[in-house]
Protein backbone atom coordinates (compact mmCIF):
# COMPACT_ATOMS: atom_id res chain seq x y z
CA ARG A 1 30.15 29.33 30.27
CA SER A 2 27.25 30.76 28.30
CA ASN A 3 29.42 30.66 25.16
CA GLN A 4 29.87 26.91 25.71
CA TYR A 5 26.08 26.44 25.87
CA VAL A 6 25.58 28.49 22.73
CA ALA A 7 28.26 26.52 20.89
CA PHE A 8 26.82 23.23 22.15
CA PHE A 9 23.33 24.30 21.03
CA TRP A 10 24.48 25.17 17.50
CA ILE A 11 26.55 22.00 17.16
CA SER A 12 23.58 19.91 18.34
CA PHE A 13 21.24 21.79 16.02
CA ALA A 14 23.59 21.21 13.06
CA MET A 15 23.85 17.49 13.91
CA VAL A 16 20.06 17.14 14.04
CA LEU A 17 19.72 18.92 10.69
CA PHE A 18 22.43 16.71 9.20
CA LEU A 19 20.76 13.52 10.48
CA ASN A 20 17.37 14.67 9.14
CA LEU A 21 18.95 15.36 5.77
CA LEU A 22 20.48 11.86 5.71
CA VAL A 23 17.15 10.26 6.61
CA TRP A 24 15.34 12.30 3.96
CA LEU A 25 17.91 11.30 1.31
CA TYR A 26 17.60 7.66 2.34
CA LEU A 27 13.80 7.68 2.16
CA ASP A 28 13.94 9.43 -1.20
CA ARG A 29 16.26 6.72 -2.49
CA VAL A 30 13.98 3.97 -1.10
CA GLU A 31 10.97 5.60 -2.79
CA ASN A 32 12.80 5.77 -6.13
CA GLU A 33 13.83 2.11 -5.81
CA PHE A 34 10.22 1.13 -5.05
CA ARG A 35 9.01 3.14 -8.02
CA LEU A 36 11.52 1.49 -10.37
CA GLU A 37 10.75 -1.99 -9.05
CA LEU A 38 7.01 -1.43 -9.44
CA ARG A 39 7.49 -0.16 -12.99
CA GLU A 40 9.60 -3.19 -13.91
CA ARG A 41 7.07 -5.60 -12.43
CA LEU A 42 4.20 -3.93 -14.27
CA VAL A 43 6.09 -4.12 -17.56
CA ASP A 44 6.83 -7.81 -16.94
CA ILE A 45 3.23 -8.58 -15.99
CA ASN A 46 1.88 -6.66 -18.96
CA GLN A 47 4.21 -8.37 -21.42
CA VAL A 48 3.31 -11.81 -20.07
CA LEU A 49 -0.40 -11.03 -20.12
CA SER A 50 -0.32 -9.65 -23.64
CA ARG A 51 1.58 -12.73 -24.82
CA LEU A 52 -0.90 -14.98 -22.98
CA ILE A 53 -3.84 -13.24 -24.64
CA VAL A 54 -2.30 -13.58 -28.10
CA GLU A 55 -1.31 -17.23 -27.63
CA THR A 56 -4.60 -18.39 -26.10
CA ASN A 57 -6.93 -16.75 -28.60
CA ASP A 58 -6.75 -19.29 -31.40
CA ASN A 59 -10.54 -19.43 -31.61
CA MET A 60 -11.29 -16.17 -29.82
CA ASP A 61 -9.73 -13.37 -31.81
CA ILE A 62 -9.98 -9.97 -30.12
CA SER A 63 -11.36 -8.49 -33.32
CA LEU A 64 -14.53 -10.57 -32.75
CA ILE A 65 -15.44 -8.45 -29.71
CA VAL A 66 -17.95 -5.77 -30.61
CA PRO A 67 -17.69 -2.80 -28.22
CA GLY A 68 -20.80 -2.67 -26.03
CA ASP A 69 -21.90 -6.26 -26.79
CA ARG A 70 -21.75 -7.92 -23.36
CA GLN A 71 -23.34 -11.20 -24.43
CA SER A 72 -21.02 -12.48 -27.14
CA ILE A 73 -18.84 -15.51 -26.52
CA PRO A 74 -15.56 -13.65 -27.21
CA TYR A 75 -16.54 -10.92 -24.74
CA LEU A 76 -17.45 -13.45 -22.05
CA TYR A 77 -14.24 -15.41 -22.71
CA TYR A 78 -11.99 -12.35 -22.35
CA SER A 79 -13.94 -10.95 -19.39
CA GLN A 80 -13.48 -14.22 -17.52
CA LEU A 81 -9.80 -14.39 -18.48
CA LEU A 82 -9.19 -10.81 -17.30
CA GLU A 83 -11.08 -11.39 -14.04
CA THR A 84 -9.02 -14.50 -13.26
CA ILE A 85 -5.77 -12.70 -14.01
CA ARG A 86 -6.79 -9.64 -11.96
CA GLN A 87 -7.69 -11.70 -8.91
CA ASN A 88 -4.59 -13.89 -9.10
CA SER A 89 -2.27 -10.92 -9.64
CA LYS A 90 -3.98 -8.65 -7.08
CA LEU A 91 -4.31 -5.85 -9.61
CA GLN A 92 -6.80 -3.02 -9.30
CA SER A 93 -8.14 -3.36 -12.84
CA ILE A 94 -7.39 -4.77 -16.28
CA LEU A 95 -8.85 -3.38 -19.48
CA LEU A 96 -8.71 -4.57 -23.05
CA VAL A 97 -9.22 -1.45 -25.16
CA SER A 98 -9.47 -1.03 -28.90
CA PRO A 99 -6.91 1.27 -30.57
CA GLN A 100 -9.75 3.81 -30.86
CA GLY A 101 -10.23 3.80 -27.06
CA GLU A 102 -13.40 1.69 -26.84
CA ILE A 103 -13.47 -0.76 -23.93
CA LEU A 104 -13.67 -4.30 -25.31
CA ALA A 105 -13.51 -6.19 -22.00
CA SER A 106 -12.58 -5.29 -18.44
CA SER A 107 -12.20 -6.51 -14.92
CA PRO A 108 -13.97 -5.45 -12.81
CA GLN A 109 -16.86 -5.43 -15.23
CA GLN A 110 -18.26 -2.11 -13.93
CA ILE A 111 -15.49 -0.35 -15.81
CA GLY A 112 -16.81 -1.88 -19.02
CA ASN A 113 -20.10 -0.03 -18.54
CA GLN A 114 -18.28 3.02 -19.87
CA LYS A 115 -18.06 3.07 -23.63
CA ILE A 116 -14.64 4.72 -23.83
CA SER A 117 -11.86 4.49 -21.26
CA SER A 118 -10.62 7.74 -19.75
CA LEU A 119 -7.12 6.21 -19.91
CA ALA A 120 -7.45 6.07 -23.69
CA GLU A 121 -7.10 9.85 -23.80
CA SER A 122 -3.59 9.74 -22.34
CA ALA A 123 -0.30 10.05 -24.18
CA ASP A 124 0.70 6.68 -22.70
CA PHE A 125 -2.25 5.00 -24.42
CA GLU A 126 -1.35 6.63 -27.73
CA LYS A 127 2.21 5.29 -27.45
CA ALA A 128 0.89 1.80 -26.71
CA ALA A 129 -1.50 2.05 -29.66
CA ARG A 130 1.59 2.69 -31.80
CA GLY A 131 3.30 -0.45 -30.43
CA VAL A 132 5.31 0.65 -27.38
CA PHE A 133 5.07 -0.82 -23.86
CA VAL A 134 4.48 2.09 -21.47
CA VAL A 135 4.27 2.49 -17.69
CA SER A 136 2.66 5.70 -16.45
CA LYS A 137 3.76 7.91 -13.63
CA ILE A 138 2.07 7.41 -10.30
CA SER A 139 -1.22 9.30 -10.18
CA ARG A 140 -3.75 10.09 -7.48
CA PHE A 141 -7.42 9.27 -7.76
CA ALA A 142 -9.94 9.49 -4.90
CA GLY A 143 -7.13 9.83 -2.35
CA GLU A 144 -5.27 6.71 -3.51
CA GLN A 145 -2.19 6.32 -5.65
CA PHE A 146 -2.18 4.20 -8.81
CA ILE A 147 0.24 3.26 -11.54
CA SER A 148 -0.82 1.97 -14.96
CA ALA A 149 0.91 -0.08 -17.64
CA PHE A 150 -0.07 -0.18 -21.31
CA ALA A 151 0.82 -3.03 -23.68
CA PRO A 152 -0.03 -3.33 -27.36
CA ILE A 153 -1.73 -6.56 -28.42
CA ARG A 154 -0.85 -7.57 -31.95
CA ASN A 155 -2.87 -9.88 -34.17
CA LEU A 156 -1.31 -12.62 -36.32
CA GLU A 157 -0.58 -10.14 -39.11
CA GLY A 158 1.35 -7.91 -36.68
CA PHE A 159 -1.22 -5.11 -36.53
CA ILE A 160 -2.26 -3.74 -33.15
CA SER A 161 -5.73 -5.04 -32.42
CA ALA A 162 -6.01 -3.82 -28.81
CA VAL A 163 -4.17 -2.26 -25.89
CA LEU A 164 -4.01 -4.08 -22.59
CA ILE A 165 -4.11 -1.69 -19.62
CA ILE A 166 -3.41 -2.83 -16.08
CA GLU A 167 -3.70 -0.66 -12.99
CA ALA A 168 -2.13 -1.39 -9.63
CA LYS A 169 -2.42 0.46 -6.35
CA ALA A 170 0.72 2.14 -5.12
CA ASN A 171 -0.37 2.74 -1.52
CA PHE A 172 3.05 2.08 -0.02
CA PHE A 173 4.13 5.47 -1.41
CA THR A 174 1.65 7.05 1.01
CA VAL A 175 3.45 5.29 3.88
CA LEU A 176 6.80 6.54 2.60
CA GLY A 177 5.39 10.05 2.32
CA SER A 178 4.23 9.99 5.92
CA LEU A 179 7.68 8.85 7.04
C-alpha cells in the first residue's frame, strides 16, 4: 500500500511540474507576442509621425529650430505639435533630436531642459541618424519598463535633419512577470 502512495505522489508531482511548464511556456509566448505587437505599433506610429512632421512643415522647417532657443516660432510650433500627438497617442514622451543629439523640441517640455538627450548616446539613435527606423529593447528606468522607437526625419533634399524618438510605457510586462 505504501508503494501505491509513493507512486501516486511521484505521478502527481510530475503532473504538477508538467502543468507548470506548460503555463510558463504559454506565458512566455504571450509575452513575446505582446513585445512584437508593441514593436510593430511603435514603428507604425513613428513612421506616421515622421511623415506628418515632414508634410506639415512647409513653413516650419526643422532646421530653423536653434537648440536651446525656447522662444522661436518653429520651436513653439513643434513643441505644441509634439504635445498634442503625445497626449492623443498616450505616449510617455516624444523628442525631436538633431543628428548631433541636441534636443530640438520635446513633450513633455521638461525633457527639453536638457541640452542633449541621453537616448542620443545609444546605438539605436546612431542607426536612426543614418536613416534606419529602430525600436529598442524594453528597458527599466525608475522601476518602470519602457520601449523607445527612433525614426529619421528627412528634409526635402533627402538629408536627415532630425531623429524623432517616442517612448511608451510597457507596464503590462510587469504583470506578465508576476504571473
